[in-house]
């Protein structure tokens, strides 16, 4: 949260937008630090000795970067809880056509874990009075479930067309649905399971095409449209895809981007 005594300043972005940002003078800070979050926007943490005009000039130099980072906030701001967090009782995974019911069992353990007790039923056990610990346990379960589900999906798309990746990592990334490294390692977001199957397929093809073109050049889009003819319309739908993800599935608090 932003300190109530923080100083508010305006910044003009390259596209003409004007945003407010907050300057927090912190005695322990040794250098200027920018913090961006969907909850608080831009917060600039600065040491007491830094001249104010120099501080504002340094922030202005980062205007391009700041503009790029905050452009996606509207897509995920709805995920910031406005009410006290609650433990989910059920959720759907459209990518797998699955529905899950969640039950909570209080045990003497001080940790919390989640496991499948029977088809369609997850049991969260341990210190279940800790809501965030329950969320963390469910996120870990989601990552495990996504690894099992997405690995064959990726392989079944890549192998018939001769695209070879070196490894797959399934993560709970805050702002990326997927990525592909220069070494051919593909990362996919476990939150893809909350999306319709055609969007998941699009993301997988998107990352596989980076094996052919590491950038987003016209050649990249040519490859993607070849493998996924509906790429343009699916790309447009991805802008609102975050709305399908429940808040408990987000890693950490405040949706730092």
C-alpha atoms as a PDB file:
ATOM      1  CA  UNK A   1       0.000   0.000   0.000  1.00  0.00           C
ATOM      2  CA  UNK A   2       1.130   3.581  -0.656  1.00  0.00           C
ATOM      3  CA  UNK A   3       2.058   5.582   2.445  1.00  0.00           C
ATOM      4  CA  UNK A   4      -0.460   8.317   3.183  1.00  0.00           C
ATOM      5  CA  UNK A   5       2.282  10.965   3.414  1.00  0.00           C
ATOM      6  CA  UNK A   6       3.797  10.110   0.032  1.00  0.00           C
ATOM      7  CA  UNK A   7       4.261  12.899  -2.503  1.00  0.00           C
ATOM      8  CA  UNK A   8       2.145  12.683  -5.686  1.00  0.00           C
ATOM      9  CA  UNK A   9       3.628  13.903  -9.010  1.00  0.00           C
ATOM     10  CA  UNK A  10       2.482  13.846 -12.648  1.00  0.00           C
ATOM     11  CA  UNK A  11       4.309  12.187 -15.527  1.00  0.00           C
ATOM     12  CA  UNK A  12       3.523  12.665 -19.233  1.00  0.00           C
ATOM     13  CA  UNK A  13       3.921   9.421 -21.176  1.00  0.00           C
ATOM     14  CA  UNK A  14       5.110   9.281 -24.813  1.00  0.00           C
ATOM     15  CA  UNK A  15       1.533   8.659 -26.056  1.00  0.00           C
ATOM     16  CA  UNK A  16       0.258  11.791 -24.316  1.00  0.00           C
ATOM     17  CA  UNK A  17      -1.317  10.098 -21.308  1.00  0.00           C
ATOM     18  CA  UNK A  18      -0.753  11.777 -17.966  1.00  0.00           C
ATOM     19  CA  UNK A  19      -0.373   9.551 -14.927  1.00  0.00           C
ATOM     20  CA  UNK A  20       0.132  10.316 -11.272  1.00  0.00           C
ATOM     21  CA  UNK A  21       2.990   8.655  -9.493  1.00  0.00           C
ATOM     22  CA  UNK A  22       4.076   8.607  -5.900  1.00  0.00           C
ATOM     23  CA  UNK A  23       7.474   9.540  -4.476  1.00  0.00           C
ATOM     24  CA  UNK A  24       8.389   7.757  -1.259  1.00  0.00           C
ATOM     25  CA  UNK A  25      11.494   9.052   0.498  1.00  0.00           C
ATOM     26  CA  UNK A  26      13.044   6.152   2.349  1.00  0.00           C
ATOM     27  CA  UNK A  27      16.150   6.643   4.550  1.00  0.00           C
ATOM     28  CA  UNK A  28      17.304   3.071   3.891  1.00  0.00           C
ATOM     29  CA  UNK A  29      17.136   3.464   0.093  1.00  0.00           C
ATOM     30  CA  UNK A  30      20.547   3.766  -1.566  1.00  0.00           C
ATOM     31  CA  UNK A  31      19.322   4.492  -5.086  1.00  0.00           C
ATOM     32  CA  UNK A  32      16.188   5.258  -7.057  1.00  0.00           C
ATOM     33  CA  UNK A  33      13.787   2.340  -7.468  1.00  0.00           C
ATOM     34  CA  UNK A  34      10.567   2.125  -9.511  1.00  0.00           C
ATOM     35  CA  UNK A  35       7.720  -0.122  -8.372  1.00  0.00           C
ATOM     36  CA  UNK A  36       4.758  -0.826 -10.645  1.00  0.00           C
ATOM     37  CA  UNK A  37       1.609  -2.616  -9.587  1.00  0.00           C
ATOM     38  CA  UNK A  38      -1.957  -2.796 -10.803  1.00  0.00           C
ATOM     39  CA  UNK A  39      -3.073  -1.800  -7.301  1.00  0.00           C
ATOM     40  CA  UNK A  40      -0.879   1.273  -6.663  1.00  0.00           C
ATOM     41  CA  UNK A  41       0.349   2.238 -10.130  1.00  0.00           C
ATOM     42  CA  UNK A  42       3.840   3.755 -10.198  1.00  0.00           C
ATOM     43  CA  UNK A  43       5.662   4.288  -6.909  1.00  0.00           C
ATOM     44  CA  UNK A  44       9.157   5.806  -6.911  1.00  0.00           C
ATOM     45  CA  UNK A  45      11.274   4.937  -3.884  1.00  0.00           C
ATOM     46  CA  UNK A  46      14.150   7.372  -3.414  1.00  0.00           C
ATOM     47  CA  UNK A  47      16.899   8.107  -0.871  1.00  0.00           C
ATOM     48  CA  UNK A  48      16.672  11.417   1.058  1.00  0.00           C
ATOM     49  CA  UNK A  49      19.789  12.923  -0.558  1.00  0.00           C
ATOM     50  CA  UNK A  50      18.544  12.698  -4.168  1.00  0.00           C
ATOM     51  CA  UNK A  51      17.677  16.105  -5.658  1.00  0.00           C
ATOM     52  CA  UNK A  52      13.975  16.335  -6.549  1.00  0.00           C
ATOM     53  CA  UNK A  53      14.537  17.697 -10.062  1.00  0.00           C
ATOM     54  CA  UNK A  54      17.087  14.997 -10.799  1.00  0.00           C
ATOM     55  CA  UNK A  55      14.659  12.404  -9.457  1.00  0.00           C
ATOM     56  CA  UNK A  56      11.880  13.607 -11.777  1.00  0.00           C
ATOM     57  CA  UNK A  57      14.284  13.676 -14.719  1.00  0.00           C
ATOM     58  CA  UNK A  58      15.350  10.081 -14.040  1.00  0.00           C
ATOM     59  CA  UNK A  59      11.721   8.989 -13.923  1.00  0.00           C
ATOM     60  CA  UNK A  60      10.981  10.840 -17.185  1.00  0.00           C
ATOM     61  CA  UNK A  61      13.824   8.936 -18.858  1.00  0.00           C
ATOM     62  CA  UNK A  62      11.932   5.732 -18.100  1.00  0.00           C
ATOM     63  CA  UNK A  63       8.652   7.004 -19.598  1.00  0.00           C
ATOM     64  CA  UNK A  64       8.720   4.566 -22.538  1.00  0.00           C
ATOM     65  CA  UNK A  65       9.261   1.589 -20.246  1.00  0.00           C
ATOM     66  CA  UNK A  66       6.621   2.807 -17.782  1.00  0.00           C
ATOM     67  CA  UNK A  67       4.077   3.283 -20.570  1.00  0.00           C
ATOM     68  CA  UNK A  68       4.632  -0.228 -21.876  1.00  0.00           C
ATOM     69  CA  UNK A  69       4.328  -1.785 -18.433  1.00  0.00           C
ATOM     70  CA  UNK A  70       1.133  -0.035 -17.361  1.00  0.00           C
ATOM     71  CA  UNK A  71      -0.662  -0.600 -20.670  1.00  0.00           C
ATOM     72  CA  UNK A  72      -1.696  -4.063 -19.528  1.00  0.00           C
ATOM     73  CA  UNK A  73      -3.025  -2.999 -16.129  1.00  0.00           C
ATOM     74  CA  UNK A  74      -6.630  -2.570 -17.274  1.00  0.00           C
ATOM     75  CA  UNK A  75      -6.678  -6.203 -18.394  1.00  0.00           C
ATOM     76  CA  UNK A  76      -5.754  -7.512 -14.949  1.00  0.00           C
ATOM     77  CA  UNK A  77      -6.924  -4.815 -12.520  1.00  0.00           C
ATOM     78  CA  UNK A  78     -10.248  -6.624 -12.059  1.00  0.00           C
ATOM     79  CA  UNK A  79      -8.301  -9.489 -10.491  1.00  0.00           C
ATOM     80  CA  UNK A  80      -7.283  -7.400  -7.477  1.00  0.00           C
ATOM     81  CA  UNK A  81      -9.562  -8.454  -4.625  1.00  0.00           C
ATOM     82  CA  UNK A  82     -11.909  -5.707  -3.426  1.00  0.00           C
ATOM     83  CA  UNK A  83     -13.288  -7.929  -0.663  1.00  0.00           C
ATOM     84  CA  UNK A  84     -11.556 -10.100   1.952  1.00  0.00           C
ATOM     85  CA  UNK A  85     -10.133 -13.208   0.239  1.00  0.00           C
ATOM     86  CA  UNK A  86     -12.169 -16.375   0.466  1.00  0.00           C
ATOM     87  CA  UNK A  87     -11.390 -20.033  -0.075  1.00  0.00           C
ATOM     88  CA  UNK A  88     -12.825 -21.282  -3.389  1.00  0.00           C
ATOM     89  CA  UNK A  89     -15.442 -24.001  -3.042  1.00  0.00           C
ATOM     90  CA  UNK A  90     -15.364 -25.010  -6.715  1.00  0.00           C
ATOM     91  CA  UNK A  91     -13.855 -23.979 -10.050  1.00  0.00           C
ATOM     92  CA  UNK A  92     -13.859 -25.005 -13.708  1.00  0.00           C
ATOM     93  CA  UNK A  93     -10.932 -25.675 -16.040  1.00  0.00           C
ATOM     94  CA  UNK A  94     -12.394 -25.126 -19.541  1.00  0.00           C
ATOM     95  CA  UNK A  95      -9.143 -26.092 -21.267  1.00  0.00           C
ATOM     96  CA  UNK A  96      -9.623 -29.641 -19.979  1.00  0.00           C
ATOM     97  CA  UNK A  97     -13.435 -29.626 -19.741  1.00  0.00           C
ATOM     98  CA  UNK A  98     -13.091 -30.300 -16.005  1.00  0.00           C
ATOM     99  CA  UNK A  99     -15.063 -29.125 -12.976  1.00  0.00           C
ATOM    100  CA  UNK A 100     -13.561 -29.399  -9.490  1.00  0.00           C
ATOM    101  CA  UNK A 101     -15.107 -29.217  -6.056  1.00  0.00           C
ATOM    102  CA  UNK A 102     -12.825 -28.195  -3.170  1.00  0.00           C
ATOM    103  CA  UNK A 103     -13.162 -29.450   0.394  1.00  0.00           C
ATOM    104  CA  UNK A 104     -11.145 -28.246   3.383  1.00  0.00           C
ATOM    105  CA  UNK A 105     -10.000 -30.418   6.273  1.00  0.00           C
ATOM    106  CA  UNK A 106      -8.416 -28.940   9.396  1.00  0.00           C
ATOM    107  CA  UNK A 107      -5.564 -31.092  10.691  1.00  0.00           C
ATOM    108  CA  UNK A 108      -2.808 -30.623  13.257  1.00  0.00           C
ATOM    109  CA  UNK A 109      -0.207 -29.867  10.606  1.00  0.00           C
ATOM    110  CA  UNK A 110       1.056 -26.298  10.341  1.00  0.00           C
ATOM    111  CA  UNK A 111       1.335 -26.495   6.557  1.00  0.00           C
ATOM    112  CA  UNK A 112      -1.355 -26.786   3.896  1.00  0.00           C
ATOM    113  CA  UNK A 113      -1.465 -29.180   0.951  1.00  0.00           C
ATOM    114  CA  UNK A 114      -3.927 -30.023  -1.825  1.00  0.00           C
ATOM    115  CA  UNK A 115      -4.534 -33.419  -3.371  1.00  0.00           C
ATOM    116  CA  UNK A 116      -7.082 -35.187  -5.543  1.00  0.00           C
ATOM    117  CA  UNK A 117      -9.147 -37.498  -3.383  1.00  0.00           C
ATOM    118  CA  UNK A 118     -11.430 -38.684  -6.187  1.00  0.00           C
ATOM    119  CA  UNK A 119     -12.331 -37.505  -9.720  1.00  0.00           C
ATOM    120  CA  UNK A 120     -13.590 -33.944  -9.587  1.00  0.00           C
ATOM    121  CA  UNK A 121     -12.770 -33.504  -5.904  1.00  0.00           C
ATOM    122  CA  UNK A 122      -9.743 -31.761  -4.346  1.00  0.00           C
ATOM    123  CA  UNK A 123      -9.073 -31.939  -0.617  1.00  0.00           C
ATOM    124  CA  UNK A 124      -7.080 -29.125   0.977  1.00  0.00           C
ATOM    125  CA  UNK A 125      -5.777 -30.231   4.357  1.00  0.00           C
ATOM    126  CA  UNK A 126      -3.706 -28.709   7.146  1.00  0.00           C
ATOM    127  CA  UNK A 127      -3.950 -25.264   8.723  1.00  0.00           C
ATOM    128  CA  UNK A 128      -6.885 -24.380   6.456  1.00  0.00           C
ATOM    129  CA  UNK A 129      -7.839 -21.368   8.549  1.00  0.00           C
ATOM    130  CA  UNK A 130      -5.031 -19.550   6.724  1.00  0.00           C
ATOM    131  CA  UNK A 131      -6.789 -18.475   3.518  1.00  0.00           C
ATOM    132  CA  UNK A 132      -3.629 -17.432   1.674  1.00  0.00           C
ATOM    133  CA  UNK A 133      -1.970 -20.756   2.547  1.00  0.00           C
ATOM    134  CA  UNK A 134      -4.996 -22.511   1.028  1.00  0.00           C
ATOM    135  CA  UNK A 135      -4.648 -20.392  -2.106  1.00  0.00           C
ATOM    136  CA  UNK A 136      -0.938 -21.259  -2.312  1.00  0.00           C
ATOM    137  CA  UNK A 137      -1.686 -24.970  -1.977  1.00  0.00           C
ATOM    138  CA  UNK A 138      -4.252 -24.758  -4.775  1.00  0.00           C
ATOM    139  CA  UNK A 139      -1.811 -22.847  -6.978  1.00  0.00           C
ATOM    140  CA  UNK A 140       0.779 -25.578  -6.457  1.00  0.00           C
ATOM    141  CA  UNK A 141      -1.825 -28.181  -7.339  1.00  0.00           C
ATOM    142  CA  UNK A 142      -2.770 -26.173 -10.436  1.00  0.00           C
ATOM    143  CA  UNK A 143       0.869 -26.081 -11.591  1.00  0.00           C
ATOM    144  CA  UNK A 144       1.209 -29.851 -11.148  1.00  0.00           C
ATOM    145  CA  UNK A 145      -2.046 -30.516 -12.963  1.00  0.00           C
ATOM    146  CA  UNK A 146      -1.072 -28.158 -15.795  1.00  0.00           C
ATOM    147  CA  UNK A 147       2.309 -29.873 -16.209  1.00  0.00           C
ATOM    148  CA  UNK A 148       0.616 -33.230 -16.653  1.00  0.00           C
ATOM    149  CA  UNK A 149      -1.956 -31.783 -19.058  1.00  0.00           C
ATOM    150  CA  UNK A 150       0.043 -29.336 -21.155  1.00  0.00           C
ATOM    151  CA  UNK A 151       3.107 -31.498 -21.794  1.00  0.00           C
ATOM    152  CA  UNK A 152       1.355 -34.002 -24.114  1.00  0.00           C
ATOM    153  CA  UNK A 153      -0.647 -31.169 -25.688  1.00  0.00           C
ATOM    154  CA  UNK A 154       2.574 -29.382 -26.656  1.00  0.00           C
ATOM    155  CA  UNK A 155       4.172 -32.592 -27.903  1.00  0.00           C
ATOM    156  CA  UNK A 156       1.141 -33.566 -29.978  1.00  0.00           C
ATOM    157  CA  UNK A 157       1.204 -30.240 -31.811  1.00  0.00           C
ATOM    158  CA  UNK A 158       4.971 -30.007 -32.275  1.00  0.00           C
ATOM    159  CA  UNK A 159       5.925 -33.530 -33.312  1.00  0.00           C
ATOM    160  CA  UNK A 160       3.756 -33.981 -36.468  1.00  0.00           C
ATOM    161  CA  UNK A 161       5.079 -30.737 -38.013  1.00  0.00           C
ATOM    162  CA  UNK A 162       8.725 -31.312 -37.074  1.00  0.00           C
ATOM    163  CA  UNK A 163       9.124 -28.540 -34.494  1.00  0.00           C
ATOM    164  CA  UNK A 164      11.635 -29.511 -31.819  1.00  0.00           C
ATOM    165  CA  UNK A 165      11.800 -27.818 -28.409  1.00  0.00           C
ATOM    166  CA  UNK A 166      14.367 -28.728 -25.772  1.00  0.00           C
ATOM    167  CA  UNK A 167      12.246 -28.638 -22.633  1.00  0.00           C
ATOM    168  CA  UNK A 168       8.930 -27.521 -21.149  1.00  0.00           C
ATOM    169  CA  UNK A 169       8.493 -25.566 -17.933  1.00  0.00           C
ATOM    170  CA  UNK A 170       5.044 -24.873 -16.511  1.00  0.00           C
ATOM    171  CA  UNK A 171       4.971 -21.817 -14.256  1.00  0.00           C
ATOM    172  CA  UNK A 172       2.542 -19.430 -12.610  1.00  0.00           C
ATOM    173  CA  UNK A 173       3.674 -16.313 -14.427  1.00  0.00           C
ATOM    174  CA  UNK A 174       2.073 -12.994 -13.573  1.00  0.00           C
ATOM    175  CA  UNK A 175       1.870 -11.378 -16.996  1.00  0.00           C
ATOM    176  CA  UNK A 176       2.918 -13.916 -19.637  1.00  0.00           C
ATOM    177  CA  UNK A 177       0.905 -16.781 -21.018  1.00  0.00           C
ATOM    178  CA  UNK A 178       4.063 -18.347 -22.398  1.00  0.00           C
ATOM    179  CA  UNK A 179       7.601 -17.804 -23.631  1.00  0.00           C
ATOM    180  CA  UNK A 180      10.287 -19.518 -25.695  1.00  0.00           C
ATOM    181  CA  UNK A 181      13.998 -19.116 -24.965  1.00  0.00           C
ATOM    182  CA  UNK A 182      16.793 -18.978 -27.521  1.00  0.00           C
ATOM    183  CA  UNK A 183      17.741 -22.503 -26.463  1.00  0.00           C
ATOM    184  CA  UNK A 184      14.307 -23.833 -27.393  1.00  0.00           C
ATOM    185  CA  UNK A 185      12.936 -24.111 -23.858  1.00  0.00           C
ATOM    186  CA  UNK A 186       9.210 -23.361 -23.799  1.00  0.00           C
ATOM    187  CA  UNK A 187       7.428 -22.030 -20.722  1.00  0.00           C
ATOM    188  CA  UNK A 188       3.654 -22.140 -20.368  1.00  0.00           C
ATOM    189  CA  UNK A 189       1.475 -20.526 -17.725  1.00  0.00           C
ATOM    190  CA  UNK A 190      -0.529 -22.955 -15.583  1.00  0.00           C
ATOM    191  CA  UNK A 191      -3.410 -20.435 -15.657  1.00  0.00           C
ATOM    192  CA  UNK A 192      -3.954 -21.430 -19.294  1.00  0.00           C
ATOM    193  CA  UNK A 193      -6.215 -24.158 -17.893  1.00  0.00           C
ATOM    194  CA  UNK A 194      -8.832 -21.493 -17.144  1.00  0.00           C
ATOM    195  CA  UNK A 195      -9.070 -20.567 -20.850  1.00  0.00           C
ATOM    196  CA  UNK A 196     -11.080 -22.149 -23.680  1.00  0.00           C
ATOM    197  CA  UNK A 197      -9.262 -24.860 -25.607  1.00  0.00           C
ATOM    198  CA  UNK A 198      -8.855 -22.786 -28.787  1.00  0.00           C
ATOM    199  CA  UNK A 199      -6.996 -20.048 -26.875  1.00  0.00           C
ATOM    200  CA  UNK A 200      -4.685 -22.568 -25.212  1.00  0.00           C
ATOM    201  CA  UNK A 201      -3.948 -24.089 -28.598  1.00  0.00           C
ATOM    202  CA  UNK A 202      -3.198 -20.597 -29.952  1.00  0.00           C
ATOM    203  CA  UNK A 203      -0.703 -19.863 -27.144  1.00  0.00           C
ATOM    204  CA  UNK A 204       1.073 -23.176 -27.703  1.00  0.00           C
ATOM    205  CA  UNK A 205       1.360 -22.541 -31.446  1.00  0.00           C
ATOM    206  CA  UNK A 206       2.570 -19.014 -30.695  1.00  0.00           C
ATOM    207  CA  UNK A 207       5.469 -20.319 -28.616  1.00  0.00           C
ATOM    208  CA  UNK A 208       6.267 -23.128 -31.054  1.00  0.00           C
ATOM    209  CA  UNK A 209       6.546 -20.589 -33.874  1.00  0.00           C
ATOM    210  CA  UNK A 210       9.215 -18.779 -31.874  1.00  0.00           C
ATOM    211  CA  UNK A 211      11.382 -21.823 -32.560  1.00  0.00           C
ATOM    212  CA  UNK A 212      11.305 -20.660 -36.182  1.00  0.00           C
ATOM    213  CA  UNK A 213      11.376 -16.899 -35.567  1.00  0.00           C
ATOM    214  CA  UNK A 214      12.505 -15.539 -32.160  1.00  0.00           C
ATOM    215  CA  UNK A 215      10.786 -12.175 -32.735  1.00  0.00           C
ATOM    216  CA  UNK A 216       7.339 -10.941 -33.782  1.00  0.00           C
ATOM    217  CA  UNK A 217       8.289 -10.097 -37.342  1.00  0.00           C
ATOM    218  CA  UNK A 218       6.023 -10.607 -40.333  1.00  0.00           C
ATOM    219  CA  UNK A 219       7.750 -13.937 -40.898  1.00  0.00           C
ATOM    220  CA  UNK A 220       6.729 -15.024 -37.403  1.00  0.00           C
ATOM    221  CA  UNK A 221       3.065 -14.147 -38.055  1.00  0.00           C
ATOM    222  CA  UNK A 222       3.251 -15.933 -41.407  1.00  0.00           C
ATOM    223  CA  UNK A 223       4.324 -19.127 -39.641  1.00  0.00           C
ATOM    224  CA  UNK A 224       1.677 -18.721 -36.953  1.00  0.00           C
ATOM    225  CA  UNK A 225      -1.131 -18.169 -39.470  1.00  0.00           C
ATOM    226  CA  UNK A 226       0.037 -21.257 -41.338  1.00  0.00           C
ATOM    227  CA  UNK A 227      -0.307 -23.484 -38.265  1.00  0.00           C
ATOM    228  CA  UNK A 228      -3.277 -21.603 -36.798  1.00  0.00           C
ATOM    229  CA  UNK A 229      -5.422 -19.964 -39.530  1.00  0.00           C
ATOM    230  CA  UNK A 230      -7.566 -18.170 -36.933  1.00  0.00           C
ATOM    231  CA  UNK A 231      -4.483 -16.581 -35.320  1.00  0.00           C
ATOM    232  CA  UNK A 232      -5.589 -12.974 -35.824  1.00  0.00           C
ATOM    233  CA  UNK A 233      -8.997 -13.353 -34.171  1.00  0.00           C
ATOM    234  CA  UNK A 234      -7.568 -15.515 -31.383  1.00  0.00           C
ATOM    235  CA  UNK A 235      -4.851 -12.925 -30.763  1.00  0.00           C
ATOM    236  CA  UNK A 236      -7.556 -10.304 -30.251  1.00  0.00           C
ATOM    237  CA  UNK A 237      -9.426 -12.506 -27.787  1.00  0.00           C
ATOM    238  CA  UNK A 238      -6.269 -12.990 -25.698  1.00  0.00           C
ATOM    239  CA  UNK A 239      -6.471  -9.350 -24.575  1.00  0.00           C
ATOM    240  CA  UNK A 240      -9.405 -10.221 -22.318  1.00  0.00           C
ATOM    241  CA  UNK A 241      -8.287 -13.722 -21.425  1.00  0.00           C
ATOM    242  CA  UNK A 242      -7.062 -12.698 -17.952  1.00  0.00           C
ATOM    243  CA  UNK A 243     -10.679 -12.102 -16.959  1.00  0.00           C
ATOM    244  CA  UNK A 244     -11.206 -15.861 -16.922  1.00  0.00           C
ATOM    245  CA  UNK A 245      -8.624 -16.372 -14.151  1.00  0.00           C
ATOM    246  CA  UNK A 246      -9.912 -16.322 -10.555  1.00  0.00           C
ATOM    247  CA  UNK A 247      -8.053 -14.109  -8.108  1.00  0.00           C
ATOM    248  CA  UNK A 248      -6.883 -17.024  -5.931  1.00  0.00           C
ATOM    249  CA  UNK A 249      -4.892 -18.428  -8.860  1.00  0.00           C
ATOM    250  CA  UNK A 250      -2.744 -15.317  -9.103  1.00  0.00           C
ATOM    251  CA  UNK A 251       0.737 -15.703  -7.642  1.00  0.00           C
ATOM    252  CA  UNK A 252       1.442 -13.380  -4.729  1.00  0.00           C
ATOM    253  CA  UNK A 253      -0.405 -10.269  -3.639  1.00  0.00           C
ATOM    254  CA  UNK A 254      -1.010  -7.011  -5.482  1.00  0.00           C
ATOM    255  CA  UNK A 255      -0.478  -8.412  -8.974  1.00  0.00           C
ATOM    256  CA  UNK A 256       2.950  -6.847  -9.372  1.00  0.00           C
ATOM    257  CA  UNK A 257       3.702  -6.575 -13.069  1.00  0.00           C
END
